[in-house]
Protein backbone atom coordinates (compact mmCIF):
# COMPACT_ATOMS: atom_id res chain seq x y z
CA UNK A 1 49.40 43.49 -39.00
CA UNK A 2 46.83 40.69 -38.91
CA UNK A 3 47.99 37.63 -37.01
CA UNK A 4 46.60 34.20 -37.77
CA UNK A 5 46.72 30.59 -36.58
CA UNK A 6 47.87 27.91 -39.02
CA UNK A 7 45.27 25.33 -40.02
CA UNK A 8 47.17 23.63 -42.86
CA UNK A 9 45.96 20.03 -43.37
CA UNK A 10 49.51 18.59 -43.21
CA UNK A 11 50.19 20.16 -39.80
CA UNK A 12 46.83 19.25 -38.27
CA UNK A 13 46.78 15.71 -39.70
CA UNK A 14 50.31 15.07 -38.43
CA UNK A 15 49.61 16.25 -34.88
CA UNK A 16 46.18 14.62 -34.66
CA UNK A 17 47.54 11.41 -36.19
CA UNK A 18 50.35 11.20 -33.64
CA UNK A 19 47.89 11.84 -30.84
CA UNK A 20 45.50 9.17 -32.15
CA UNK A 21 48.26 6.53 -32.48
CA UNK A 22 49.46 7.29 -28.95
CA UNK A 23 45.91 6.95 -27.62
CA UNK A 24 45.58 3.56 -29.32
CA UNK A 25 48.90 2.36 -27.88
CA UNK A 26 48.20 3.31 -24.25
CA UNK A 27 44.51 2.40 -24.49
CA UNK A 28 43.09 -0.50 -26.52
CA UNK A 29 46.50 -1.95 -27.47
CA UNK A 30 48.08 -1.70 -24.03
CA UNK A 31 46.98 -5.21 -23.05
CA UNK A 32 48.83 -6.63 -26.07
CA UNK A 33 51.98 -4.53 -25.69
CA UNK A 34 52.33 -4.59 -21.88
CA UNK A 35 49.54 -6.71 -20.32
CA UNK A 36 50.35 -5.84 -16.72
CA UNK A 37 51.00 -2.11 -17.20
CA UNK A 38 48.63 0.38 -15.61
CA UNK A 39 47.21 3.29 -17.58
CA UNK A 40 49.98 5.95 -17.64
CA UNK A 41 47.90 8.99 -16.71
CA UNK A 42 50.79 11.31 -15.81
CA UNK A 43 52.74 10.40 -18.92
CA UNK A 44 49.62 10.75 -21.05
CA UNK A 45 49.19 14.33 -19.82
CA UNK A 46 52.84 15.13 -20.57
CA UNK A 47 52.63 13.68 -24.08
CA UNK A 48 49.51 15.62 -25.06
CA UNK A 49 50.90 18.78 -23.51
CA UNK A 50 53.90 18.19 -25.80
CA UNK A 51 51.56 18.03 -28.80
CA UNK A 52 49.88 21.24 -27.70
CA UNK A 53 53.22 22.97 -27.22
CA UNK A 54 54.34 21.83 -30.67
CA UNK A 55 51.24 23.36 -32.21
CA UNK A 56 51.75 26.59 -30.27
CA UNK A 57 55.33 26.72 -31.59
CA UNK A 58 54.55 26.14 -35.28
CA UNK A 59 50.83 26.88 -35.61
CA UNK A 60 50.22 29.94 -33.45
CA UNK A 61 50.92 33.58 -34.45
CA UNK A 62 54.42 33.07 -33.00
CA UNK A 63 55.32 31.37 -36.30
CA UNK A 64 54.19 34.35 -38.37
CA UNK A 65 55.94 36.85 -36.09
CA UNK A 66 59.18 34.86 -36.18
CA UNK A 67 59.00 34.36 -39.93
CA UNK A 68 58.29 37.96 -40.92
CA UNK A 69 59.16 40.39 -38.14
CA UNK A 70 61.31 39.36 -35.16
CA UNK A 71 64.37 37.15 -35.00
CA UNK A 72 64.03 36.51 -31.27
CA UNK A 73 60.49 35.14 -31.82
CA UNK A 74 61.87 32.68 -34.37
CA UNK A 75 64.58 31.67 -31.89
CA UNK A 76 61.99 31.18 -29.16
CA UNK A 77 60.04 28.96 -31.55
CA UNK A 78 63.12 26.82 -32.14
CA UNK A 79 63.84 26.50 -28.41
CA UNK A 80 60.28 25.28 -27.79
CA UNK A 81 60.71 22.62 -30.46
CA UNK A 82 64.27 21.53 -29.61
CA UNK A 83 64.17 21.42 -25.83
CA UNK A 84 60.68 21.69 -24.36
CA UNK A 85 58.46 19.71 -26.77
CA UNK A 86 61.06 16.93 -27.09
CA UNK A 87 61.39 16.63 -23.30
CA UNK A 88 57.63 16.29 -22.93
CA UNK A 89 57.47 13.62 -25.63
CA UNK A 90 60.32 11.58 -24.11
CA UNK A 91 58.94 11.77 -20.57
CA UNK A 92 55.40 11.30 -21.87
CA UNK A 93 56.10 7.95 -23.56
CA UNK A 94 56.05 4.95 -21.18
CA UNK A 95 59.19 2.79 -21.14
CA UNK A 96 57.18 -0.28 -22.20
CA UNK A 97 55.91 1.55 -25.28
CA UNK A 98 59.37 2.85 -26.22
CA UNK A 99 60.86 -0.63 -25.86
CA UNK A 100 58.07 -2.15 -27.94
CA UNK A 101 58.70 0.38 -30.72
CA UNK A 102 62.43 -0.38 -30.54
CA UNK A 103 61.86 -4.13 -30.64
CA UNK A 104 62.91 -4.74 -34.28
CA UNK A 105 66.69 -4.89 -34.58
CA UNK A 106 66.58 -2.85 -37.79
CA UNK A 107 65.29 0.09 -35.71
CA UNK A 108 67.18 -0.59 -32.49
CA UNK A 109 70.69 -0.70 -33.97
CA UNK A 110 70.57 2.68 -35.76
CA UNK A 111 68.96 4.24 -32.69
CA UNK A 112 71.80 3.03 -30.48
CA UNK A 113 74.27 4.73 -32.80
CA UNK A 114 72.31 7.93 -33.35
CA UNK A 115 71.44 8.44 -29.70
CA UNK A 116 74.97 7.98 -28.42
CA UNK A 117 75.71 11.29 -26.65
CA UNK A 118 78.69 12.08 -28.88
CA UNK A 119 76.97 11.15 -32.14
CA UNK A 120 73.66 12.87 -31.30
CA UNK A 121 75.41 15.95 -29.99
CA UNK A 122 77.61 16.31 -33.07
CA UNK A 123 74.71 15.80 -35.49
CA UNK A 124 72.57 18.35 -33.69
CA UNK A 125 75.33 20.96 -33.30
CA UNK A 126 76.42 20.68 -36.94
CA UNK A 127 72.87 20.91 -38.32
CA UNK A 128 71.87 23.72 -35.97
CA UNK A 129 74.97 25.71 -36.96
CA UNK A 130 74.42 25.18 -40.69
CA UNK A 131 70.83 26.41 -40.49
CA UNK A 132 72.10 29.76 -39.17
CA UNK A 133 74.22 30.39 -42.25
CA UNK A 134 72.51 33.52 -43.70
CA UNK A 135 71.75 32.02 -47.13
CA UNK A 136 70.07 28.92 -45.65
CA UNK A 137 68.29 30.87 -42.91
CA UNK A 138 66.84 33.31 -45.43
CA UNK A 139 65.83 30.43 -47.72
CA UNK A 140 63.87 28.86 -44.86
CA UNK A 141 62.12 32.16 -44.15
CA UNK A 142 60.98 32.58 -47.75
CA UNK A 143 60.27 28.97 -48.76
CA UNK A 144 57.63 27.08 -46.79
CA UNK A 145 59.00 23.64 -47.65
CA UNK A 146 62.51 24.55 -46.53
CA UNK A 147 61.04 26.10 -43.39
CA UNK A 148 59.21 22.85 -42.58
CA UNK A 149 62.42 20.90 -43.22
CA UNK A 150 64.28 23.25 -40.86
CA UNK A 151 61.75 22.70 -38.08
CA UNK A 152 61.60 18.92 -38.55
CA UNK A 153 65.39 18.60 -38.56
CA UNK A 154 65.74 20.70 -35.40
CA UNK A 155 62.96 18.81 -33.63
CA UNK A 156 64.17 15.37 -34.73
CA UNK A 157 67.82 15.98 -33.89
CA UNK A 158 66.82 17.67 -30.63
CA UNK A 159 65.01 14.46 -29.72
CA UNK A 160 68.07 12.38 -30.56
CA UNK A 161 70.35 14.80 -28.70
CA UNK A 162 68.31 14.68 -25.46
CA UNK A 163 67.50 10.95 -25.63
CA UNK A 164 70.59 9.66 -23.76
CA UNK A 165 69.91 12.03 -20.84
CA UNK A 166 66.13 11.62 -20.47
CA UNK A 167 64.99 8.25 -21.84
CA UNK A 168 63.61 5.45 -19.68
CA UNK A 169 64.11 2.84 -22.41
CA UNK A 170 65.87 -0.40 -21.51
CA UNK A 171 66.55 -1.37 -25.14
CA UNK A 172 68.35 1.90 -25.99
CA UNK A 173 69.18 3.13 -22.48
CA UNK A 174 71.09 6.09 -21.10
CA UNK A 175 74.87 5.92 -21.22
CA UNK A 176 77.28 6.06 -18.28
CA UNK A 177 77.36 9.19 -16.13
CA UNK A 178 80.88 10.07 -17.26
CA UNK A 179 79.98 9.95 -20.95
CA UNK A 180 76.83 11.96 -20.36
CA UNK A 181 78.62 14.67 -18.40
CA UNK A 182 81.38 15.00 -20.99
CA UNK A 183 78.88 15.13 -23.86
CA UNK A 184 76.63 17.75 -22.24
CA UNK A 185 79.67 19.93 -21.53
CA UNK A 186 80.70 19.67 -25.19
CA UNK A 187 77.16 20.61 -26.22
CA UNK A 188 77.45 23.85 -24.26
CA UNK A 189 80.76 24.59 -25.95
CA UNK A 190 79.40 23.60 -29.37
CA UNK A 191 76.80 26.37 -29.42
CA UNK A 192 79.28 29.12 -28.57
CA UNK A 193 80.16 29.88 -32.23
CA UNK A 194 76.50 30.46 -33.17
CA UNK A 195 76.01 32.56 -30.02
CA UNK A 196 79.08 34.68 -30.81
CA UNK A 197 78.04 34.96 -34.47
CA UNK A 198 74.66 36.38 -33.47
CA UNK A 199 75.63 38.56 -30.52
CA UNK A 200 78.93 40.07 -31.64
CA UNK A 201 78.31 40.61 -35.36
CA UNK A 202 77.92 44.37 -34.96
CA UNK A 203 75.25 44.52 -37.68
CA UNK A 204 72.02 42.63 -38.46
CA UNK A 205 72.92 39.43 -40.29
CA UNK A 206 69.58 38.46 -41.83
CA UNK A 207 68.03 40.93 -44.34
CA UNK A 208 64.44 39.83 -43.57
CA UNK A 209 64.69 41.14 -40.02
CA UNK A 210 66.83 44.14 -40.94
CA UNK A 211 64.10 45.42 -43.31
CA UNK A 212 61.04 44.14 -41.45
CA UNK A 213 58.52 46.63 -40.00
CA UNK A 214 59.20 47.16 -36.30
CA UNK A 215 56.14 45.85 -34.49
CA UNK A 216 57.73 46.49 -31.08
CA UNK A 217 60.31 49.00 -29.87
CA UNK A 218 63.34 46.84 -30.66
CA UNK A 219 65.83 47.59 -33.42
CA UNK A 220 67.12 44.76 -35.67
CA UNK A 221 70.55 44.46 -34.02
CA UNK A 222 69.17 44.21 -30.48
CA UNK A 223 66.51 41.81 -31.75
CA UNK A 224 69.32 39.60 -33.07
CA UNK A 225 71.30 39.87 -29.82
CA UNK A 226 68.19 39.01 -27.78
CA UNK A 227 67.67 35.93 -29.95
CA UNK A 228 71.24 34.82 -29.32
CA UNK A 229 70.82 35.32 -25.57
CA UNK A 230 67.57 33.31 -25.54
CA UNK A 231 69.33 30.49 -27.38
CA UNK A 232 72.27 30.39 -24.97
CA UNK A 233 70.20 30.79 -21.79
CA UNK A 234 67.91 27.88 -22.73
CA UNK A 235 70.84 25.71 -23.80
CA UNK A 236 72.79 26.51 -20.62
CA UNK A 237 69.73 25.98 -18.44
CA UNK A 238 69.05 22.52 -19.82
CA UNK A 239 72.74 21.55 -19.96
CA UNK A 240 73.58 22.64 -16.41
CA UNK A 241 70.44 20.96 -15.05
CA UNK A 242 71.34 17.68 -16.76
CA UNK A 243 74.98 18.05 -15.68
CA UNK A 244 73.99 18.64 -12.05
CA UNK A 245 71.51 15.75 -11.96
CA UNK A 246 74.01 13.39 -13.61
CA UNK A 247 76.73 14.33 -11.13
CA UNK A 248 74.36 13.93 -8.17
CA UNK A 249 73.14 10.50 -9.32
CA UNK A 250 76.70 9.42 -10.08
CA UNK A 251 77.80 10.37 -6.56
CA UNK A 252 74.83 8.51 -5.07
CA UNK A 253 75.59 5.40 -7.10
CA UNK A 254 79.23 5.48 -6.00
CA UNK A 255 78.17 5.72 -2.35
CA UNK A 256 75.81 2.78 -2.80
CA UNK A 257 78.58 0.70 -4.37
CA UNK A 258 81.16 1.46 -1.66
CA UNK A 259 81.94 -1.70 0.36
CA UNK A 260 81.33 -1.52 4.09
CA UNK A 261 84.56 -1.28 6.13
CA UNK A 262 84.42 -4.17 8.68
CA UNK A 263 86.38 -2.18 11.30
CA UNK A 264 84.00 0.77 11.06
CA UNK A 265 81.04 -1.57 11.30
CA UNK A 266 82.46 -3.20 14.46
CA UNK A 267 83.23 0.17 16.02
CA UNK A 268 79.69 1.36 15.37
CA UNK A 269 78.32 -1.78 17.00
CA UNK A 270 80.57 -1.33 20.07
CA UNK A 271 79.37 2.23 20.40
């Protein structure tokens, strides 16, 4: 087996183009967009690390291994795109730049709808589930264009799904803590059917991996189960972290909003 790195013009031009536009926005154009904003060094590092991670997910030998040999490698690739790269891009984009991009109402209104926790969560869960239907999954493995569409849809909807929990935008902001906590709980539940489908099937579901040469000591069924476990562990890790942070911040905000009891205040002064 000879592994290779992808150097397709479309992939490289897309990643380099995004990086170049970002550099223009936070550099020469910053004085026009946000005249008083300082150079966002930390966010710049996060954004470009997100670009690097995206290339490692779709351009490194991991893509070839996941496409031809191991299901769990393909699942790992998807987790990098859905959760990790998107998080780095959201945190790596300054609020003033996000709000400037969302300035036109024709962009802002659809974004408010799409990034609502319920809407974004349903769109992502439905699309993610459909892509794991054997016929579509196999089509993506054997057709490069469908494979690119699969990755773009997972990345794009992952971005929309995580937006209401991570964004710093003031034009399309995060929703209330209660809505966020309910939505993230439903996201955990929403992936259970795919997890059960992969882990409790009893037989390999996808012919490509069932007949692929074994490059490591892992049979096709356990490869499939491992992929399902990776999917659920990453989803649970992100969901429980967001749930815990949301609950903590909600409790802190409630404490800050509690009115001071005059009798307690007087008693504390007397003491």
